[in-house]
Amino acid sequence: MIEKVELGKTGLNIHPIGLGANKIDEENKKTNTEYGGKVLSTAIENGLNFIDTAYYYGKGVSEEIIGKTLKENNSRDGIVITTKGAHKFTNDGIILDNSPAFLTNAVDESLKRLQTDVIDLFYIHFPDENTPKYEAIGALQRLKEAGKIRSIGVSNFSMDQLKEANQDGYLNVVQANYNLIDRSAEKEIFPFMLENDISFVPYYPLASGLLTEKYTKETVISDKNKARPQFQDDVFMKHVEKVKNLRGIAEKYDVKIHHIVLAFYLTRAPIDAVIPGARNTDQVLSNLKAASIQLTPKDIQIIEDLFPLD
């Protein structure tokens, strides 16, 4: 049995492997997606209790499936639900809104979709251009005091925005891009997290599959990934070779390369949990294996040398 850890100083006890619910959806055999309720139920039955979703994931579909599943299975107790808000869908496109009025309404709407009385962690999903960040966080603090949320987070904030958001010390969790290919968060954000007792949750932990055994030099890159810097020809080839060099560590623990990558993140001081996505039950069960791996200092040094901090 994997011991749960506290998420920063929130008082929330979580399994160190969470479920990134951006892929929680209706069944789609073309994309190997099982019904999200089945994926979630399998995760919970196997000890996972940290669920990360957002209104943006299907305009509330992910939240609705999570709420429906937890209600049907009477399994809300002990489950830590995190969700996010900031996106406003309009006829002219998506508008980002961090205003207190918008965030207050976003929390109320998420509570309905999740069919719960309280959200364990609510993030501002993206910063807008106009709202002072301390005002946005102040609104979430009032919602926390009202018992609608238990802790406060932000996602995709710059360093300056993080400092402004935390000027009153209300910030509990930060979610941002971080993986072996882009370790830049370690330079400035990680020290800020440690100094202020804030937990860091990385997204894109597997770099869209590049930090797995999915890709080889012969792989045809999808149009979606072609625009991403790490998938450009020369860079892509270098990453494929680096990932192959993790095979020795993976074989030592009798796991896959992506398990080693996830286990590495859990050696970083500000990271209490990782939230890899899963389209089906097999992926959930596979991701959970990473929690049982205890990398040695030598393993960690090999990984850091392969993927150096720029």
Protein backbone atom coordinates (compact mmCIF):
# COMPACT_ATOMS: atom_id res chain seq x y z
CA MET A 1 0.00 0.00 0.00
CA ILE A 2 1.45 3.36 -1.06
CA GLU A 3 1.40 5.94 1.72
CA LYS A 4 -0.46 9.14 1.01
CA VAL A 5 1.34 12.47 1.20
CA GLU A 6 0.14 15.92 2.16
CA LEU A 7 -0.32 18.31 -0.75
CA GLY A 8 1.89 21.17 0.39
CA LYS A 9 0.37 22.70 3.53
CA THR A 10 -3.25 22.17 2.44
CA GLY A 11 -4.09 19.37 4.85
CA LEU A 12 -5.19 17.30 1.85
CA ASN A 13 -3.72 13.78 1.86
CA ILE A 14 -3.22 12.37 -1.62
CA HIS A 15 -1.78 9.44 -3.51
CA PRO A 16 1.41 10.72 -5.19
CA ILE A 17 0.10 9.56 -8.56
CA GLY A 18 -3.01 11.50 -9.50
CA LEU A 19 -5.31 11.39 -12.50
CA GLY A 20 -5.11 14.19 -15.04
CA ALA A 21 -8.75 14.17 -16.16
CA ASN A 22 -8.34 16.16 -19.37
CA LYS A 23 -8.99 12.88 -21.23
CA ILE A 24 -12.01 11.86 -19.14
CA ASP A 25 -14.77 11.74 -21.74
CA GLU A 26 -17.40 9.58 -23.39
CA GLU A 27 -16.24 6.33 -24.99
CA ASN A 28 -14.38 6.75 -28.28
CA LYS A 29 -12.91 3.57 -29.76
CA LYS A 30 -10.99 5.51 -32.42
CA THR A 31 -8.85 7.18 -29.76
CA ASN A 32 -8.83 4.16 -27.39
CA THR A 33 -10.86 6.19 -24.89
CA GLU A 34 -12.98 4.25 -22.43
CA TYR A 35 -15.94 5.89 -20.71
CA GLY A 36 -14.49 8.28 -18.15
CA GLY A 37 -16.58 6.90 -15.31
CA LYS A 38 -15.00 3.48 -15.78
CA VAL A 39 -11.52 4.99 -15.85
CA LEU A 40 -12.21 6.98 -12.68
CA SER A 41 -13.74 4.03 -10.84
CA THR A 42 -10.73 1.86 -11.66
CA ALA A 43 -8.39 4.58 -10.40
CA ILE A 44 -10.25 4.88 -7.08
CA GLU A 45 -10.49 1.11 -6.59
CA ASN A 46 -6.70 0.95 -6.87
CA GLY A 47 -5.96 3.66 -4.32
CA LEU A 48 -5.74 6.78 -6.48
CA ASN A 49 -7.61 9.66 -4.83
CA PHE A 50 -6.26 12.83 -6.47
CA ILE A 51 -8.35 13.96 -9.45
CA ASP A 52 -7.37 16.99 -11.54
CA THR A 53 -9.99 18.43 -13.88
CA ALA A 54 -11.17 21.80 -15.27
CA TYR A 55 -14.20 23.41 -16.84
CA TYR A 56 -12.14 23.80 -20.03
CA TYR A 57 -11.94 20.02 -20.40
CA GLY A 58 -14.91 19.56 -22.69
CA LYS A 59 -16.75 22.66 -21.42
CA GLY A 60 -17.54 20.86 -18.18
CA VAL A 61 -17.90 17.31 -19.55
CA SER A 62 -14.97 16.01 -17.49
CA GLU A 63 -16.40 17.60 -14.33
CA GLU A 64 -19.87 16.19 -15.05
CA ILE A 65 -18.60 12.64 -15.54
CA ILE A 66 -16.54 12.85 -12.35
CA GLY A 67 -19.51 14.19 -10.37
CA LYS A 68 -21.88 11.57 -11.76
CA THR A 69 -19.45 8.71 -11.11
CA LEU A 70 -18.66 9.71 -7.53
CA LYS A 71 -22.37 10.17 -6.81
CA GLU A 72 -23.37 6.82 -8.31
CA ASN A 73 -20.61 4.95 -6.49
CA ASN A 74 -21.04 6.89 -3.24
CA SER A 75 -17.26 7.39 -3.31
CA ARG A 76 -16.73 11.10 -2.61
CA ASP A 77 -15.20 10.52 0.85
CA GLY A 78 -11.42 10.60 0.74
CA ILE A 79 -11.31 11.79 -2.88
CA VAL A 80 -9.44 15.05 -3.46
CA ILE A 81 -11.01 16.94 -6.36
CA THR A 82 -9.23 19.82 -8.01
CA THR A 83 -10.69 21.89 -10.80
CA LYS A 84 -9.96 25.12 -12.61
CA GLY A 85 -11.70 28.12 -14.11
CA ALA A 86 -10.87 31.17 -16.24
CA HIS A 87 -12.27 30.42 -19.69
CA LYS A 88 -15.36 32.17 -20.94
CA PHE A 89 -16.73 30.83 -24.24
CA THR A 90 -18.32 33.55 -26.37
CA ASN A 91 -19.42 34.01 -29.99
CA ASP A 92 -16.15 35.85 -30.56
CA GLY A 93 -14.00 33.08 -29.11
CA ILE A 94 -12.53 32.31 -25.71
CA ILE A 95 -12.01 35.11 -23.20
CA LEU A 96 -9.92 34.69 -20.05
CA ASP A 97 -11.49 36.17 -16.93
CA ASN A 98 -10.03 36.29 -13.40
CA SER A 99 -12.45 38.85 -12.00
CA PRO A 100 -13.88 38.09 -8.55
CA ALA A 101 -17.42 37.93 -9.97
CA PHE A 102 -16.42 35.45 -12.66
CA LEU A 103 -14.43 33.24 -10.30
CA THR A 104 -17.25 33.19 -7.76
CA ASN A 105 -19.68 32.06 -10.44
CA ALA A 106 -17.16 29.56 -11.85
CA VAL A 107 -16.83 27.88 -8.46
CA ASP A 108 -20.61 27.68 -8.05
CA GLU A 109 -21.03 26.15 -11.52
CA SER A 110 -18.22 23.64 -10.93
CA LEU A 111 -19.81 22.61 -7.63
CA LYS A 112 -23.01 21.78 -9.51
CA ARG A 113 -21.27 19.78 -12.24
CA LEU A 114 -19.16 17.90 -9.69
CA GLN A 115 -22.23 17.30 -7.50
CA THR A 116 -20.34 18.18 -4.36
CA ASP A 117 -20.56 20.70 -1.53
CA VAL A 118 -16.89 21.66 -1.59
CA ILE A 119 -14.00 21.68 -4.08
CA ASP A 120 -10.77 20.58 -2.43
CA LEU A 121 -8.54 22.75 -4.64
CA PHE A 122 -9.62 25.42 -7.12
CA TYR A 123 -7.11 26.88 -9.56
CA ILE A 124 -7.25 30.00 -11.68
CA HIS A 125 -6.56 28.15 -14.93
CA PHE A 126 -4.89 30.99 -16.85
CA PRO A 127 -4.17 34.62 -15.95
CA ASP A 128 -6.16 37.33 -17.68
CA GLU A 129 -4.71 40.70 -18.72
CA ASN A 130 -6.74 43.00 -16.52
CA THR A 131 -7.47 41.62 -13.05
CA PRO A 132 -4.90 42.31 -10.32
CA LYS A 133 -3.85 38.87 -9.19
CA TYR A 134 -4.14 39.64 -5.47
CA GLU A 135 -7.79 40.61 -6.10
CA ALA A 136 -8.46 37.31 -7.88
CA ILE A 137 -6.83 35.32 -5.08
CA GLY A 138 -8.69 37.42 -2.52
CA ALA A 139 -11.97 36.31 -4.10
CA LEU A 140 -10.91 32.66 -3.79
CA GLN A 141 -9.90 33.25 -0.17
CA ARG A 142 -13.42 34.49 0.55
CA LEU A 143 -14.82 31.36 -1.11
CA LYS A 144 -12.49 29.30 1.07
CA GLU A 145 -13.75 31.07 4.18
CA ALA A 146 -17.31 30.41 3.00
CA GLY A 147 -16.54 26.68 2.82
CA LYS A 148 -16.93 26.32 -0.95
CA ILE A 149 -13.27 25.49 -1.60
CA ARG A 150 -10.56 24.11 0.68
CA SER A 151 -7.42 25.44 -0.95
CA ILE A 152 -6.25 27.88 -3.62
CA GLY A 153 -4.14 27.36 -6.71
CA VAL A 154 -3.05 29.04 -9.92
CA SER A 155 -1.88 27.63 -13.23
CA ASN A 156 0.23 29.10 -16.03
CA PHE A 157 1.21 32.20 -14.03
CA SER A 158 4.50 33.97 -14.67
CA MET A 159 6.94 34.52 -11.81
CA ASP A 160 5.81 38.13 -11.37
CA GLN A 161 2.17 37.06 -11.39
CA LEU A 162 2.90 34.40 -8.77
CA LYS A 163 4.49 36.94 -6.47
CA GLU A 164 1.54 39.30 -6.85
CA ALA A 165 -0.96 36.46 -6.36
CA ASN A 166 0.71 35.40 -3.13
CA GLN A 167 1.20 38.84 -1.60
CA ASP A 168 -1.17 37.91 1.25
CA GLY A 169 0.16 34.35 1.58
CA TYR A 170 -3.05 32.68 0.42
CA LEU A 171 -1.60 30.57 -2.38
CA ASN A 172 -1.36 26.81 -1.75
CA VAL A 173 -0.55 25.14 -5.07
CA VAL A 174 0.94 26.11 -8.43
CA GLN A 175 0.47 24.06 -11.58
CA ALA A 176 2.72 24.71 -14.56
CA ASN A 177 4.57 23.07 -17.43
CA TYR A 178 7.48 20.94 -16.25
CA ASN A 179 9.13 17.81 -17.57
CA LEU A 180 12.58 16.43 -18.30
CA ILE A 181 12.73 18.27 -21.60
CA ASP A 182 11.84 21.60 -20.00
CA ARG A 183 13.19 21.80 -16.43
CA SER A 184 13.25 25.61 -16.41
CA ALA A 185 10.79 25.79 -13.49
CA GLU A 186 13.61 24.53 -11.24
CA LYS A 187 15.51 27.79 -11.64
CA GLU A 188 13.11 30.34 -10.23
CA ILE A 189 9.71 28.83 -9.51
CA PHE A 190 10.89 25.91 -7.36
CA PRO A 191 12.84 28.13 -4.92
CA PHE A 192 9.77 30.36 -4.60
CA MET A 193 7.60 27.29 -3.89
CA LEU A 194 9.94 26.09 -1.14
CA GLU A 195 10.30 29.53 0.42
CA ASN A 196 6.52 29.96 0.62
CA ASP A 197 5.40 26.39 1.43
CA ILE A 198 3.60 26.08 -1.91
CA SER A 199 3.27 22.72 -3.67
CA PHE A 200 4.12 22.43 -7.36
CA VAL A 201 2.11 20.15 -9.66
CA PRO A 202 3.62 19.63 -13.12
CA TYR A 203 1.49 19.26 -16.22
CA TYR A 204 2.60 17.65 -19.50
CA PRO A 205 4.83 15.39 -17.37
CA LEU A 206 5.43 13.04 -20.29
CA ALA A 207 5.82 15.80 -22.91
CA SER A 208 2.94 14.59 -25.09
CA GLY A 209 4.34 11.07 -25.08
CA LEU A 210 7.90 12.02 -26.02
CA LEU A 211 9.18 10.84 -22.62
CA THR A 212 7.79 7.36 -23.18
CA GLU A 213 8.63 4.50 -25.48
CA LYS A 214 5.95 5.65 -27.91
CA TYR A 215 8.27 7.40 -30.35
CA THR A 216 11.12 6.14 -32.52
CA LYS A 217 13.12 7.81 -35.28
CA GLU A 218 10.66 6.31 -37.77
CA THR A 219 7.54 7.70 -36.09
CA VAL A 220 5.42 9.98 -38.26
CA ILE A 221 4.71 13.11 -36.21
CA SER A 222 1.09 14.24 -36.08
CA ASP A 223 0.14 17.66 -37.42
CA LYS A 224 -0.76 18.72 -33.86
CA ASN A 225 2.73 17.94 -32.56
CA LYS A 226 4.65 19.25 -35.57
CA ALA A 227 4.22 22.81 -34.30
CA ARG A 228 5.76 22.01 -30.90
CA PRO A 229 9.48 22.85 -30.51
CA GLN A 230 10.43 19.47 -29.05
CA PHE A 231 9.10 17.69 -32.15
CA GLN A 232 11.19 19.61 -34.69
CA ASP A 233 13.38 17.22 -36.72
CA ASP A 234 16.84 17.58 -35.16
CA VAL A 235 15.55 18.25 -31.66
CA PHE A 236 13.11 15.34 -31.85
CA MET A 237 15.86 12.91 -32.83
CA LYS A 238 18.02 14.00 -29.88
CA HIS A 239 15.15 13.51 -27.45
CA VAL A 240 14.39 10.03 -28.80
CA GLU A 241 18.01 9.02 -28.22
CA LYS A 242 18.04 10.46 -24.69
CA VAL A 243 14.84 8.64 -23.77
CA LYS A 244 16.31 5.34 -25.05
CA ASN A 245 19.17 5.83 -22.59
CA LEU A 246 16.69 5.56 -19.70
CA ARG A 247 15.96 1.96 -20.65
CA GLY A 248 18.71 0.60 -18.39
CA ILE A 249 17.16 2.19 -15.29
CA ALA A 250 13.70 1.00 -16.33
CA GLU A 251 14.92 -2.56 -16.78
CA LYS A 252 16.53 -2.50 -13.33
CA TYR A 253 13.12 -1.84 -11.76
CA ASP A 254 11.22 -4.00 -14.30
CA VAL A 255 9.06 -1.07 -15.41
CA LYS A 256 8.61 1.14 -18.46
CA ILE A 257 10.57 4.30 -19.17
CA HIS A 258 7.64 6.58 -18.37
CA HIS A 259 7.44 5.09 -14.87
CA ILE A 260 11.03 6.17 -14.28
CA VAL A 261 10.25 9.66 -15.58
CA LEU A 262 7.28 10.05 -13.23
CA ALA A 263 9.29 8.67 -10.31
CA PHE A 264 12.03 11.23 -11.02
CA TYR A 265 9.57 14.12 -10.63
CA LEU A 266 8.65 12.85 -7.18
CA THR A 267 12.28 13.36 -6.12
CA ARG A 268 11.92 17.12 -6.64
CA ALA A 269 11.32 18.89 -3.33
CA PRO A 270 8.28 21.04 -4.24
CA ILE A 271 6.48 18.18 -6.05
CA ASP A 272 4.14 16.09 -3.91
CA ALA A 273 2.25 14.45 -6.77
CA VAL A 274 2.13 14.09 -10.53
CA ILE A 275 -1.04 13.95 -12.64
CA PRO A 276 -0.49 11.95 -15.83
CA GLY A 277 -3.56 11.67 -18.01
CA ALA A 278 -5.28 8.40 -18.86
CA ARG A 279 -7.72 7.53 -21.63
CA ASN A 280 -8.45 4.02 -20.37
CA THR A 281 -8.11 1.73 -17.38
CA ASP A 282 -4.87 0.15 -18.60
CA GLN A 283 -3.17 3.55 -18.62
CA VAL A 284 -4.40 4.32 -15.10
CA LEU A 285 -3.09 1.05 -13.73
CA SER A 286 0.21 1.52 -15.53
CA ASN A 287 0.73 5.05 -14.20
CA LEU A 288 0.22 3.87 -10.62
CA LYS A 289 3.34 1.68 -10.83
CA ALA A 290 5.53 4.79 -10.68
CA ALA A 291 4.68 5.39 -7.03
CA SER A 292 6.48 2.26 -5.87
CA ILE A 293 9.83 3.16 -7.47
CA GLN A 294 12.52 4.55 -5.17
CA LEU A 295 15.26 5.93 -7.41
CA THR A 296 18.80 5.86 -6.05
CA PRO A 297 21.03 8.96 -6.04
CA LYS A 298 22.96 7.36 -8.92
CA ASP A 299 19.74 6.90 -10.93
CA ILE A 300 18.80 10.51 -10.32
CA GLN A 301 22.24 11.75 -11.38
CA ILE A 302 22.08 9.75 -14.63
CA ILE A 303 18.70 11.28 -15.45
CA GLU A 304 19.86 14.81 -14.61
CA ASP A 305 22.94 14.35 -16.81
CA LEU A 306 20.84 13.11 -19.72
CA PHE A 307 18.36 15.98 -19.40
CA PRO A 308 20.45 18.83 -17.95
CA LEU A 309 18.97 22.00 -16.55
CA ASP A 310 19.72 24.66 -19.18
